[in-house]
Amino acid sequence: MKSKADRFRELIAKGAVMMPGVPNAAMARQVEQVGFDAVYISGAGMANATAGLPDIGLLTLTEVARLAGYIANGVTIPAIVDADTGFGGAENVVRTIQELEAAGLAGCHIEDQEFPKRCGHLAGKSIVDVEEMMGRIKAAVGARRDPNFLIVARTDARGVEDFKSAIDRAQKYVEAGADAIFPEALQDAEEFKTFARAVKVPLLANMTEFGQSPLLSFNELAEFGYRMIIYPMSAFRVSMKASENFLPAPKEQRTQTEWIDKIQTRQELYELLDYDPGAEGWPGYEEV
């Protein structure tokens, strides 16, 4: 049987893959239910949704591996996770790859920011020197047990230095063994296109809202040559806006009845979870 890493490699070899981002396994099941071929596990999503923390590298490797593992094992489609800076130096990166691979991930991306990191679309970032990042990549490649576990090198150089530096660094990271490149915070369509012409490995494009990059269409990015297009926080932001709109209702009206036709039913949830409370082997339970 092919591993999820094998299957993900096959997907990006055939063409571009749309990857909604999720912070938890239930939302990942929704992604699979709709028919997407792969799912992205957002570092910001895990920090924001699970711990109520900003995306500045406050979750530990142990926490990320556990949370990402729940997601990876909750679906049959491959999952790629944000591994921030690798959680330390080259020695830490070795353990990071081993833990994420053991947790069931198909791959991860590691960035060239200094720790503590910042969201890639905010000012005030700093990046390590090229040699240090190349060391992280070499450690990651050497640590994986499955050669198809995808090592994606992310560069934040566009927002710290300039566009040419982002290309130069990406090419160095490929030399170090990176399977794919994630250029963060490119500024316009022409930069996305030029980057794809210059870096000849699978590329990841981040279509996050409210950031530095324009919201280009999936078809446009696929035409440029990008193979992974992620929407890291979109579903989470939609769900947060929905709960923000809902919560005043019971507070002010002392009932949630006007929202009944807008919420997921018990049956819909059970179907999402593949749970049949009447089936042999499944205990029933009451929601509290």
Protein backbone atom coordinates (compact mmCIF):
# COMPACT_ATOMS: atom_id res chain seq x y z
CA MET A 1 0.00 0.00 0.00
CA LYS A 2 1.29 3.45 -0.92
CA SER A 3 2.05 5.86 1.88
CA LYS A 4 0.37 9.25 2.01
CA ALA A 5 3.74 10.77 1.16
CA ASP A 6 3.86 8.62 -2.00
CA ARG A 7 0.35 9.67 -2.95
CA PHE A 8 1.08 13.34 -2.37
CA ARG A 9 4.18 13.16 -4.58
CA GLU A 10 2.02 11.62 -7.30
CA LEU A 11 -0.55 14.40 -6.96
CA ILE A 12 1.91 17.25 -7.40
CA ALA A 13 3.65 15.40 -10.23
CA LYS A 14 0.36 15.44 -12.16
CA GLY A 15 -0.46 19.10 -11.60
CA ALA A 16 -1.52 21.75 -9.12
CA VAL A 17 -3.25 20.73 -5.89
CA MET A 18 -5.65 23.01 -3.99
CA MET A 19 -5.13 22.65 -0.23
CA PRO A 20 -7.51 24.32 2.23
CA GLY A 21 -5.95 24.94 5.61
CA VAL A 22 -7.42 23.52 8.81
CA PRO A 23 -6.72 23.86 12.54
CA ASN A 24 -8.31 20.57 13.59
CA ALA A 25 -9.35 17.11 12.44
CA ALA A 26 -13.09 17.79 12.21
CA MET A 27 -12.51 20.55 9.69
CA ALA A 28 -10.04 18.32 7.84
CA ARG A 29 -12.83 15.77 7.50
CA GLN A 30 -14.97 18.46 5.92
CA VAL A 31 -12.18 19.17 3.43
CA GLU A 32 -12.04 15.50 2.50
CA GLN A 33 -15.84 15.22 2.42
CA VAL A 34 -16.05 17.99 -0.18
CA GLY A 35 -13.59 16.12 -2.38
CA PHE A 36 -10.22 17.86 -2.01
CA ASP A 37 -7.20 15.65 -2.66
CA ALA A 38 -5.00 17.01 0.16
CA VAL A 39 -5.17 19.24 3.21
CA TYR A 40 -2.84 21.83 4.70
CA ILE A 41 -2.31 22.14 8.47
CA SER A 42 -1.75 25.76 9.32
CA GLY A 43 0.66 26.67 12.09
CA ALA A 44 -1.29 29.87 12.66
CA GLY A 45 -4.50 27.86 12.76
CA MET A 46 -3.19 25.46 15.39
CA ALA A 47 -1.87 28.31 17.52
CA ASN A 48 -4.91 30.56 17.12
CA ALA A 49 -7.71 27.97 17.26
CA THR A 50 -6.32 25.45 19.72
CA ALA A 51 -4.26 27.51 22.12
CA GLY A 52 -5.61 31.03 21.56
CA LEU A 53 -2.08 32.21 20.80
CA PRO A 54 -0.59 34.39 18.05
CA ASP A 55 1.48 32.80 15.28
CA ILE A 56 4.90 33.50 16.75
CA GLY A 57 6.24 30.00 17.37
CA LEU A 58 4.83 29.51 20.85
CA LEU A 59 3.67 25.92 20.34
CA THR A 60 6.28 23.24 20.98
CA LEU A 61 7.21 20.40 18.63
CA THR A 62 5.40 17.97 20.92
CA GLU A 63 2.20 20.01 20.69
CA VAL A 64 2.42 20.49 16.93
CA ALA A 65 3.16 16.81 16.29
CA ARG A 66 0.21 15.75 18.39
CA LEU A 67 -2.25 18.24 16.90
CA ALA A 68 -1.08 17.61 13.35
CA GLY A 69 -1.18 13.88 13.99
CA TYR A 70 -4.83 14.05 14.99
CA ILE A 71 -5.54 15.77 11.68
CA ALA A 72 -3.37 13.50 9.52
CA ASN A 73 -4.94 10.38 11.00
CA GLY A 74 -8.47 11.76 10.89
CA VAL A 75 -8.53 11.74 7.09
CA THR A 76 -7.43 9.43 4.28
CA ILE A 77 -6.01 12.24 2.12
CA PRO A 78 -2.40 13.45 2.55
CA ALA A 79 -1.67 16.33 4.93
CA ILE A 80 1.23 18.80 4.88
CA VAL A 81 2.07 20.75 8.04
CA ASP A 82 3.73 24.05 8.89
CA ALA A 83 6.83 23.21 10.96
CA ASP A 84 7.88 26.84 11.52
CA THR A 85 11.68 27.11 11.84
CA GLY A 86 12.11 23.41 12.64
CA PHE A 87 11.95 24.09 16.39
CA GLY A 88 15.64 24.87 16.79
CA GLY A 89 18.97 24.13 15.14
CA ALA A 90 19.86 21.30 12.80
CA GLU A 91 19.78 18.74 15.62
CA ASN A 92 16.26 19.82 16.54
CA VAL A 93 15.20 19.64 12.89
CA VAL A 94 16.18 15.96 12.84
CA ARG A 95 13.77 15.19 15.65
CA THR A 96 11.11 17.44 14.11
CA ILE A 97 11.09 15.43 10.88
CA GLN A 98 11.09 12.13 12.71
CA GLU A 99 8.17 13.16 14.93
CA LEU A 100 6.08 14.57 12.08
CA GLU A 101 6.72 11.57 9.87
CA ALA A 102 5.78 9.22 12.71
CA ALA A 103 2.60 11.24 13.28
CA GLY A 104 1.40 10.45 9.76
CA LEU A 105 2.19 13.63 7.85
CA ALA A 106 3.05 13.51 4.14
CA GLY A 107 5.47 16.42 4.43
CA CYS A 108 6.20 19.75 6.06
CA HIS A 109 7.70 23.14 5.38
CA ILE A 110 10.53 24.74 7.31
CA GLU A 111 11.32 28.42 7.04
CA ASP A 112 14.44 30.57 7.13
CA GLN A 113 13.24 32.99 9.79
CA GLU A 114 15.06 33.48 13.05
CA PHE A 115 13.35 32.34 16.23
CA PRO A 116 11.05 33.72 17.56
CA LYS A 117 9.33 33.81 14.19
CA ARG A 118 6.52 36.08 13.01
CA CYS A 119 3.64 35.65 10.60
CA GLY A 120 5.16 35.76 7.12
CA HIS A 121 2.98 38.69 6.06
CA LEU A 122 3.92 40.99 8.96
CA ALA A 123 6.77 43.46 9.19
CA GLY A 124 9.61 43.02 11.65
CA LYS A 125 10.80 39.59 10.52
CA SER A 126 14.43 38.56 10.46
CA ILE A 127 16.02 35.64 8.65
CA VAL A 128 19.02 33.42 9.32
CA ASP A 129 22.00 33.33 7.00
CA VAL A 130 21.86 31.07 3.97
CA GLU A 131 24.30 28.52 5.39
CA GLU A 132 22.25 28.02 8.56
CA MET A 133 19.08 27.42 6.56
CA MET A 134 20.90 25.03 4.25
CA GLY A 135 21.96 23.15 7.37
CA ARG A 136 18.33 22.88 8.46
CA ILE A 137 17.37 21.48 5.06
CA LYS A 138 20.21 18.97 4.97
CA ALA A 139 19.29 17.81 8.47
CA ALA A 140 15.64 17.44 7.44
CA VAL A 141 16.44 15.45 4.31
CA GLY A 142 18.84 13.19 6.20
CA ALA A 143 16.34 12.54 9.00
CA ARG A 144 13.39 11.26 7.02
CA ARG A 145 12.81 7.52 6.85
CA ASP A 146 10.45 7.68 3.87
CA PRO A 147 12.29 9.32 0.95
CA ASN A 148 8.94 10.60 -0.33
CA PHE A 149 8.21 12.61 2.83
CA LEU A 150 8.18 16.08 1.26
CA ILE A 151 10.64 18.67 2.58
CA VAL A 152 9.49 22.15 1.56
CA ALA A 153 11.86 25.05 2.23
CA ARG A 154 10.12 28.33 2.85
CA THR A 155 11.94 31.62 2.37
CA ASP A 156 10.80 34.89 3.90
CA ALA A 157 13.55 36.82 2.12
CA ARG A 158 11.11 38.83 -0.05
CA GLY A 159 9.81 40.67 3.00
CA VAL A 160 13.23 41.13 4.64
CA GLU A 161 15.71 41.64 1.79
CA ASP A 162 14.32 41.73 -1.77
CA PHE A 163 12.85 39.61 -4.55
CA LYS A 164 16.22 38.66 -6.04
CA SER A 165 17.38 37.43 -2.65
CA ALA A 166 14.30 35.23 -2.42
CA ILE A 167 15.20 33.59 -5.73
CA ASP A 168 18.88 33.25 -4.82
CA ARG A 169 18.06 31.67 -1.49
CA ALA A 170 15.53 29.32 -3.04
CA GLN A 171 18.12 28.06 -5.50
CA LYS A 172 20.57 27.46 -2.66
CA TYR A 173 17.91 25.59 -0.70
CA VAL A 174 17.29 23.34 -3.69
CA GLU A 175 21.03 22.65 -3.82
CA ALA A 176 20.84 21.66 -0.15
CA GLY A 177 18.21 19.05 -0.98
CA ALA A 178 14.81 20.74 -0.59
CA ASP A 179 12.11 18.93 -2.59
CA ALA A 180 9.98 22.05 -3.01
CA ILE A 181 10.08 25.79 -2.32
CA PHE A 182 7.58 28.09 -0.61
CA PRO A 183 8.28 31.76 -1.43
CA GLU A 184 6.39 33.72 1.22
CA ALA A 185 4.81 37.15 0.70
CA LEU A 186 5.52 37.75 -2.99
CA GLN A 187 4.13 41.12 -3.97
CA ASP A 188 2.33 40.71 -7.31
CA ALA A 189 1.44 38.30 -10.09
CA GLU A 190 4.59 39.08 -12.01
CA GLU A 191 6.74 38.07 -9.04
CA PHE A 192 4.91 34.76 -8.76
CA LYS A 193 5.43 34.17 -12.47
CA THR A 194 9.11 35.19 -12.47
CA PHE A 195 9.86 33.09 -9.41
CA ALA A 196 8.37 30.02 -11.09
CA ARG A 197 10.54 30.56 -14.14
CA ALA A 198 13.68 30.80 -12.00
CA VAL A 199 13.17 27.93 -9.53
CA LYS A 200 12.63 24.55 -11.16
CA VAL A 201 11.19 22.42 -8.38
CA PRO A 202 7.57 22.11 -7.17
CA LEU A 203 6.45 25.44 -5.71
CA LEU A 204 3.93 26.31 -3.01
CA ALA A 205 1.84 29.49 -3.18
CA ASN A 206 0.18 30.94 -0.09
CA MET A 207 -3.16 32.60 -0.83
CA THR A 208 -3.85 33.91 2.65
CA GLU A 209 -6.27 36.80 2.99
CA PHE A 210 -5.25 40.26 4.24
CA GLY A 211 -1.56 39.65 3.52
CA GLN A 212 1.13 41.04 1.25
CA SER A 213 0.35 38.79 -1.73
CA PRO A 214 -2.53 39.38 -4.15
CA LEU A 215 -5.29 36.76 -4.12
CA LEU A 216 -4.54 35.10 -7.44
CA SER A 217 -6.81 32.36 -8.76
CA PHE A 218 -5.92 28.70 -8.55
CA ASN A 219 -5.96 28.44 -12.34
CA GLU A 220 -3.61 31.39 -12.72
CA LEU A 221 -1.10 29.99 -10.24
CA ALA A 222 -1.31 26.55 -11.81
CA GLU A 223 -0.58 28.12 -15.19
CA PHE A 224 2.50 29.83 -13.73
CA GLY A 225 3.70 26.39 -12.58
CA TYR A 226 2.80 26.25 -8.86
CA ARG A 227 1.92 22.76 -7.65
CA MET A 228 0.60 23.46 -4.13
CA ILE A 229 -1.82 26.32 -3.49
CA ILE A 230 -2.77 26.72 0.16
CA TYR A 231 -5.57 28.71 1.81
CA PRO A 232 -4.26 28.41 5.36
CA MET A 233 -6.77 30.38 7.44
CA SER A 234 -9.81 30.82 5.17
CA ALA A 235 -12.07 28.15 6.70
CA PHE A 236 -11.04 29.12 10.23
CA ARG A 237 -11.76 32.79 9.55
CA VAL A 238 -15.19 31.93 8.15
CA SER A 239 -15.97 29.78 11.19
CA MET A 240 -14.82 32.50 13.58
CA LYS A 241 -16.98 35.12 11.87
CA ALA A 242 -19.95 32.74 12.07
CA SER A 243 -19.48 32.16 15.81
CA GLU A 244 -18.94 35.89 16.33
CA ASN A 245 -22.30 36.51 14.69
CA PHE A 246 -24.00 33.69 16.60
CA LEU A 247 -22.89 34.31 20.19
CA PRO A 248 -24.88 37.52 20.79
CA ALA A 249 -28.12 35.62 20.08
CA PRO A 250 -28.26 33.43 23.20
CA LYS A 251 -26.75 36.24 25.27
CA GLU A 252 -29.42 38.75 24.25
CA GLN A 253 -32.40 36.55 23.40
CA ARG A 254 -31.82 33.77 25.93
CA THR A 255 -32.24 31.14 23.20
CA GLN A 256 -30.49 29.90 20.07
CA THR A 257 -33.68 28.89 18.24
CA GLU A 258 -33.38 31.45 15.44
CA TRP A 259 -30.07 29.85 14.44
CA ILE A 260 -31.28 26.25 14.18
CA ASP A 261 -31.49 26.31 10.38
CA LYS A 262 -27.95 27.74 10.17
CA ILE A 263 -26.08 25.19 12.27
CA GLN A 264 -24.71 21.71 11.63
CA THR A 265 -27.18 19.06 12.78
CA ARG A 266 -26.34 16.17 15.05
CA GLN A 267 -26.83 13.77 12.12
CA GLU A 268 -24.54 15.81 9.87
CA LEU A 269 -21.84 15.71 12.55
CA TYR A 270 -22.22 11.95 13.00
CA GLU A 271 -21.94 11.43 9.26
CA LEU A 272 -18.80 13.58 9.16
CA LEU A 273 -17.27 11.50 11.96
CA ASP A 274 -18.40 8.16 10.45
CA TYR A 275 -20.26 7.51 13.68
CA ASP A 276 -23.43 5.43 13.90
CA PRO A 277 -24.66 5.39 17.50
CA GLY A 278 -26.97 2.47 16.71
CA ALA A 279 -24.31 0.25 15.15
CA GLU A 280 -22.75 -2.69 16.98
CA GLY A 281 -19.46 -1.70 18.56
CA TRP A 282 -20.29 2.01 18.78
CA PRO A 283 -21.47 3.12 22.23
CA GLY A 284 -24.10 5.80 22.34
CA TYR A 285 -23.44 8.99 24.20
CA GLU A 286 -25.13 12.19 25.25
CA GLU A 287 -23.77 15.59 24.30
CA VAL A 288 -23.12 17.86 27.25
